[in-house]
N, C-alpha and C. Protein backbone atom coordinates (compact mmCIF):
# COMPACT_ATOMS: atom_id res chain seq x y z
N MET A 1 34.24 45.39 78.65
CA MET A 1 33.16 44.99 77.77
C MET A 1 32.43 46.25 77.34
N ASP A 2 31.92 46.23 76.12
CA ASP A 2 31.21 47.39 75.60
C ASP A 2 29.88 46.97 74.99
N ASN A 3 29.09 47.96 74.57
CA ASN A 3 27.77 47.69 74.01
C ASN A 3 27.82 46.74 72.82
N ILE A 4 28.76 46.95 71.92
CA ILE A 4 28.85 46.12 70.71
C ILE A 4 29.09 44.66 71.08
N THR A 5 29.98 44.42 72.02
CA THR A 5 30.27 43.04 72.45
C THR A 5 29.04 42.40 73.07
N VAL A 6 28.35 43.13 73.93
CA VAL A 6 27.16 42.59 74.58
C VAL A 6 26.07 42.31 73.55
N ILE A 7 25.93 43.17 72.57
CA ILE A 7 24.94 42.94 71.51
C ILE A 7 25.30 41.68 70.73
N GLU A 8 26.58 41.44 70.46
CA GLU A 8 27.01 40.22 69.77
C GLU A 8 26.69 38.98 70.61
N ILE A 9 26.89 39.09 71.90
CA ILE A 9 26.59 37.96 72.80
C ILE A 9 25.10 37.66 72.80
N PHE A 10 24.28 38.69 72.95
CA PHE A 10 22.84 38.47 72.95
C PHE A 10 22.34 38.01 71.59
N SER A 11 22.96 38.46 70.53
CA SER A 11 22.59 37.99 69.19
C SER A 11 22.87 36.50 69.07
N ALA A 12 24.00 36.06 69.61
CA ALA A 12 24.33 34.64 69.55
C ALA A 12 23.32 33.80 70.34
N LEU A 13 22.82 34.34 71.44
CA LEU A 13 21.87 33.60 72.26
C LEU A 13 20.42 33.75 71.80
N ALA A 14 20.18 34.62 70.82
CA ALA A 14 18.82 34.92 70.38
C ALA A 14 18.31 33.92 69.35
N GLN A 15 18.61 32.67 69.55
CA GLN A 15 18.15 31.58 68.68
C GLN A 15 17.98 30.37 69.58
N GLY A 16 16.89 29.66 69.42
CA GLY A 16 16.52 28.59 70.33
C GLY A 16 17.56 27.50 70.54
N THR A 17 18.11 26.98 69.46
CA THR A 17 19.08 25.89 69.59
C THR A 17 20.35 26.37 70.26
N ARG A 18 20.80 27.56 69.90
CA ARG A 18 22.02 28.09 70.53
C ARG A 18 21.80 28.35 72.02
N LEU A 19 20.65 28.89 72.37
CA LEU A 19 20.35 29.12 73.78
C LEU A 19 20.28 27.80 74.54
N ASP A 20 19.62 26.80 73.95
CA ASP A 20 19.55 25.48 74.58
C ASP A 20 20.94 24.87 74.74
N ALA A 21 21.78 24.99 73.73
CA ALA A 21 23.13 24.44 73.78
C ALA A 21 23.93 25.12 74.89
N PHE A 22 23.87 26.44 74.94
CA PHE A 22 24.62 27.16 75.97
C PHE A 22 24.15 26.77 77.36
N ARG A 23 22.85 26.71 77.56
CA ARG A 23 22.32 26.35 78.88
C ARG A 23 22.71 24.93 79.27
N LEU A 24 22.71 24.02 78.31
CA LEU A 24 23.12 22.65 78.58
C LEU A 24 24.60 22.60 78.96
N LEU A 25 25.41 23.39 78.28
CA LEU A 25 26.84 23.43 78.62
C LEU A 25 27.07 24.05 79.99
N VAL A 26 26.27 25.03 80.35
CA VAL A 26 26.38 25.62 81.70
C VAL A 26 26.05 24.55 82.74
N GLN A 27 25.04 23.74 82.46
CA GLN A 27 24.68 22.67 83.40
C GLN A 27 25.80 21.65 83.56
N HIS A 28 26.62 21.50 82.54
CA HIS A 28 27.70 20.51 82.58
C HIS A 28 29.07 21.15 82.78
N ALA A 29 29.09 22.35 83.32
CA ALA A 29 30.36 23.00 83.62
C ALA A 29 30.96 22.39 84.87
N PRO A 30 32.22 22.26 84.99
CA PRO A 30 33.23 22.70 84.03
C PRO A 30 33.64 21.61 83.04
N GLU A 31 33.10 20.39 83.18
CA GLU A 31 33.54 19.28 82.34
C GLU A 31 33.21 19.48 80.87
N GLY A 32 32.04 20.02 80.57
CA GLY A 32 31.62 20.19 79.19
C GLY A 32 31.05 18.91 78.62
N LEU A 33 30.73 18.96 77.34
CA LEU A 33 30.16 17.81 76.63
C LEU A 33 30.82 17.67 75.28
N ALA A 34 30.94 16.44 74.84
CA ALA A 34 31.43 16.18 73.48
C ALA A 34 30.38 16.65 72.49
N ALA A 35 30.83 17.07 71.33
CA ALA A 35 29.92 17.61 70.31
C ALA A 35 28.83 16.60 69.97
N GLY A 36 29.19 15.34 69.81
CA GLY A 36 28.20 14.31 69.48
C GLY A 36 27.15 14.14 70.56
N GLU A 37 27.57 14.17 71.82
CA GLU A 37 26.64 14.05 72.93
C GLU A 37 25.73 15.27 73.00
N LEU A 38 26.27 16.43 72.75
CA LEU A 38 25.48 17.65 72.73
C LEU A 38 24.42 17.58 71.63
N ALA A 39 24.81 17.13 70.45
CA ALA A 39 23.86 16.98 69.34
C ALA A 39 22.76 15.98 69.70
N ARG A 40 23.16 14.87 70.33
CA ARG A 40 22.18 13.84 70.70
C ARG A 40 21.18 14.39 71.71
N ARG A 41 21.68 15.06 72.74
CA ARG A 41 20.80 15.58 73.79
C ARG A 41 19.86 16.66 73.28
N LEU A 42 20.32 17.43 72.32
CA LEU A 42 19.49 18.50 71.76
C LEU A 42 18.65 18.03 70.58
N ASP A 43 18.90 16.79 70.14
CA ASP A 43 18.21 16.22 68.98
C ASP A 43 18.35 17.12 67.75
N VAL A 44 19.62 17.46 67.48
CA VAL A 44 19.97 18.35 66.37
C VAL A 44 21.01 17.64 65.51
N PRO A 45 20.90 17.72 64.18
CA PRO A 45 21.94 17.12 63.32
C PRO A 45 23.31 17.72 63.63
N HIS A 46 24.35 16.90 63.51
CA HIS A 46 25.71 17.32 63.85
C HIS A 46 26.14 18.57 63.08
N ASN A 47 25.86 18.63 61.76
CA ASN A 47 26.31 19.78 60.99
C ASN A 47 25.57 21.06 61.40
N THR A 48 24.31 20.93 61.75
CA THR A 48 23.55 22.09 62.21
C THR A 48 24.10 22.58 63.55
N LEU A 49 24.36 21.65 64.46
CA LEU A 49 24.91 22.02 65.75
C LEU A 49 26.28 22.67 65.59
N SER A 50 27.08 22.16 64.67
CA SER A 50 28.40 22.73 64.42
C SER A 50 28.30 24.20 64.06
N ALA A 51 27.35 24.54 63.21
CA ALA A 51 27.16 25.94 62.82
C ALA A 51 26.74 26.78 64.02
N HIS A 52 25.86 26.25 64.86
CA HIS A 52 25.42 26.99 66.05
C HIS A 52 26.57 27.17 67.05
N LEU A 53 27.37 26.13 67.23
CA LEU A 53 28.50 26.23 68.15
C LEU A 53 29.54 27.23 67.65
N ALA A 54 29.67 27.35 66.34
CA ALA A 54 30.60 28.34 65.78
C ALA A 54 30.15 29.76 66.13
N VAL A 55 28.85 30.00 66.07
CA VAL A 55 28.32 31.33 66.43
C VAL A 55 28.58 31.61 67.91
N LEU A 56 28.31 30.62 68.76
CA LEU A 56 28.55 30.79 70.19
C LEU A 56 30.03 30.99 70.49
N SER A 57 30.87 30.29 69.75
CA SER A 57 32.32 30.41 69.93
C SER A 57 32.81 31.81 69.53
N ARG A 58 32.33 32.32 68.40
CA ARG A 58 32.73 33.67 67.97
C ARG A 58 32.32 34.73 68.99
N ALA A 59 31.21 34.48 69.69
CA ALA A 59 30.75 35.42 70.72
C ALA A 59 31.50 35.22 72.03
N GLY A 60 32.35 34.20 72.08
CA GLY A 60 33.12 33.94 73.29
C GLY A 60 32.37 33.20 74.37
N LEU A 61 31.21 32.65 74.02
CA LEU A 61 30.38 31.98 75.01
C LEU A 61 30.75 30.52 75.23
N VAL A 62 31.40 29.90 74.25
CA VAL A 62 31.85 28.52 74.40
C VAL A 62 33.29 28.41 73.95
N VAL A 63 33.98 27.46 74.54
CA VAL A 63 35.34 27.13 74.14
C VAL A 63 35.37 25.64 73.83
N SER A 64 36.27 25.26 72.95
CA SER A 64 36.36 23.85 72.57
C SER A 64 37.78 23.36 72.76
N GLN A 65 37.87 22.07 72.96
CA GLN A 65 39.17 21.44 73.14
C GLN A 65 39.09 20.02 72.60
N ARG A 66 40.07 19.66 71.78
CA ARG A 66 40.10 18.30 71.25
C ARG A 66 40.60 17.36 72.33
N GLN A 67 39.86 16.26 72.51
CA GLN A 67 40.27 15.18 73.42
C GLN A 67 40.17 13.89 72.62
N SER A 68 41.32 13.38 72.22
CA SER A 68 41.38 12.18 71.41
C SER A 68 40.62 12.45 70.11
N ARG A 69 39.55 11.69 69.86
CA ARG A 69 38.79 11.88 68.62
C ARG A 69 37.58 12.77 68.79
N SER A 70 37.36 13.28 69.97
CA SER A 70 36.19 14.12 70.25
C SER A 70 36.59 15.57 70.44
N ILE A 71 35.63 16.44 70.23
CA ILE A 71 35.80 17.85 70.57
C ILE A 71 34.86 18.12 71.73
N ILE A 72 35.44 18.58 72.83
CA ILE A 72 34.66 18.87 74.04
C ILE A 72 34.37 20.37 74.05
N TYR A 73 33.10 20.69 74.23
CA TYR A 73 32.68 22.09 74.32
C TYR A 73 32.34 22.42 75.76
N ARG A 74 32.75 23.61 76.17
CA ARG A 74 32.48 24.10 77.52
C ARG A 74 31.92 25.51 77.44
N ALA A 75 30.99 25.81 78.34
CA ALA A 75 30.49 27.18 78.45
C ALA A 75 31.58 28.04 79.06
N SER A 76 31.74 29.24 78.56
CA SER A 76 32.67 30.19 79.16
C SER A 76 31.94 30.92 80.27
N LEU A 77 32.06 30.39 81.47
CA LEU A 77 31.39 31.02 82.62
C LEU A 77 31.96 32.41 82.89
N GLU A 78 33.23 32.61 82.56
CA GLU A 78 33.85 33.93 82.74
C GLU A 78 33.18 34.95 81.83
N ARG A 79 32.89 34.55 80.59
CA ARG A 79 32.23 35.46 79.64
C ARG A 79 30.81 35.78 80.11
N MET A 80 30.12 34.75 80.60
CA MET A 80 28.76 34.95 81.09
C MET A 80 28.80 35.90 82.30
N GLN A 81 29.75 35.70 83.20
CA GLN A 81 29.88 36.56 84.37
C GLN A 81 30.18 38.00 83.96
N ALA A 82 31.07 38.18 83.00
CA ALA A 82 31.41 39.53 82.53
C ALA A 82 30.20 40.21 81.90
N THR A 83 29.39 39.44 81.17
CA THR A 83 28.20 40.00 80.53
C THR A 83 27.20 40.45 81.59
N LEU A 84 26.95 39.60 82.57
CA LEU A 84 26.01 39.96 83.63
C LEU A 84 26.54 41.14 84.43
N GLY A 85 27.85 41.15 84.66
CA GLY A 85 28.45 42.28 85.37
C GLY A 85 28.28 43.59 84.62
N PHE A 86 28.44 43.53 83.30
CA PHE A 86 28.25 44.71 82.47
C PHE A 86 26.82 45.23 82.59
N LEU A 87 25.87 44.31 82.59
CA LEU A 87 24.46 44.70 82.63
C LEU A 87 24.07 45.36 83.95
N VAL A 88 24.68 44.93 85.03
CA VAL A 88 24.27 45.45 86.35
C VAL A 88 25.33 46.34 86.98
N HIS A 89 26.29 46.78 86.18
CA HIS A 89 27.42 47.56 86.70
C HIS A 89 26.97 48.75 87.55
N ASP A 90 26.04 49.50 87.07
CA ASP A 90 25.58 50.68 87.80
C ASP A 90 24.18 50.46 88.37
N CYS A 91 23.98 49.27 88.88
CA CYS A 91 22.67 48.86 89.37
C CYS A 91 22.13 49.85 90.41
N CYS A 92 20.94 50.27 90.18
CA CYS A 92 20.17 51.04 91.15
C CYS A 92 20.83 52.35 91.57
N ALA A 93 21.63 52.93 90.69
CA ALA A 93 22.23 54.24 90.91
C ALA A 93 22.94 54.35 92.26
N GLY A 94 23.71 53.32 92.60
CA GLY A 94 24.49 53.39 93.83
C GLY A 94 23.73 53.06 95.10
N ARG A 95 22.53 52.53 94.96
CA ARG A 95 21.75 52.13 96.13
C ARG A 95 21.66 50.61 96.14
N PRO A 96 22.67 49.95 96.68
CA PRO A 96 22.76 48.49 96.60
C PRO A 96 21.57 47.76 97.22
N GLU A 97 20.91 48.36 98.19
CA GLU A 97 19.76 47.69 98.80
C GLU A 97 18.65 47.44 97.78
N LEU A 98 18.58 48.29 96.75
CA LEU A 98 17.57 48.10 95.71
C LEU A 98 17.92 46.93 94.79
N CYS A 99 19.19 46.58 94.76
CA CYS A 99 19.64 45.48 93.89
C CYS A 99 19.55 44.12 94.57
N ALA A 100 19.26 44.07 95.84
CA ALA A 100 19.24 42.81 96.58
C ALA A 100 18.36 41.75 95.91
N PRO A 101 17.13 42.08 95.48
CA PRO A 101 16.31 41.05 94.84
C PRO A 101 16.97 40.51 93.55
N LEU A 102 17.61 41.37 92.80
CA LEU A 102 18.30 40.93 91.59
C LEU A 102 19.45 40.00 91.93
N LEU A 103 20.24 40.37 92.91
CA LEU A 103 21.38 39.54 93.30
C LEU A 103 20.92 38.19 93.84
N GLU A 104 19.83 38.18 94.58
CA GLU A 104 19.29 36.91 95.08
C GLU A 104 18.81 36.04 93.93
N ALA A 105 18.19 36.65 92.93
CA ALA A 105 17.69 35.90 91.78
C ALA A 105 18.84 35.30 90.96
N LEU A 106 20.02 35.91 91.03
CA LEU A 106 21.16 35.41 90.28
C LEU A 106 21.89 34.27 90.99
N GLN A 107 21.51 33.98 92.22
CA GLN A 107 22.13 32.87 92.95
C GLN A 107 21.72 31.56 92.26
N PRO A 108 22.70 30.73 91.88
CA PRO A 108 22.36 29.49 91.20
C PRO A 108 21.62 28.53 92.13
N GLU A 109 20.77 27.76 91.52
CA GLU A 109 20.03 26.76 92.28
C GLU A 109 20.76 25.43 92.16
N CYS A 110 21.95 25.38 92.71
CA CYS A 110 22.76 24.16 92.65
C CYS A 110 22.26 23.20 93.74
N HIS A 111 22.05 21.99 93.32
CA HIS A 111 21.60 20.98 94.26
C HIS A 111 22.72 19.97 94.40
N PHE A 112 23.35 19.96 95.56
CA PHE A 112 24.48 19.07 95.79
C PHE A 112 23.96 17.80 96.45
N ARG A 113 24.51 16.70 95.98
CA ARG A 113 24.18 15.41 96.57
C ARG A 113 25.07 15.19 97.78
N GLU A 114 24.48 14.82 98.89
CA GLU A 114 25.27 14.57 100.08
C GLU A 114 26.06 13.30 99.90
N GLU A 115 27.23 13.26 100.52
CA GLU A 115 28.07 12.07 100.45
C GLU A 115 27.31 10.89 101.00
N GLY A 116 27.44 9.74 100.31
CA GLY A 116 26.80 8.52 100.77
C GLY A 116 25.38 8.36 100.28
N THR A 117 24.84 9.36 99.55
CA THR A 117 23.50 9.23 98.98
C THR A 117 23.62 9.05 97.50
N SER A 118 22.60 8.51 96.91
CA SER A 118 22.64 8.33 95.45
C SER A 118 21.47 8.98 94.78
């Protein structure tokens, strides 16, 4: 990954609807969401969302796959991981103890439901 690629990625995310769409897709990884459901949840017209998803797709942040009559969009977690890795590659000039707070902050707050609970 290089500076130009990272700038393209951040440019794609530097718009409210696109950022909201990407974050929603991350929440629904790895299954993704159908384009219509994504538009409904974001309260955005389908054609507007389509344009935003195209920008995210060109940046490599989302991938799409046709399933029957729907197009399912998924966040590219690999692209997000590569971007974050690029940003922190030389974190703290080789002193990993200084990066501990950053690494802790990057831990996802996944809340798993225990079996047998609803």
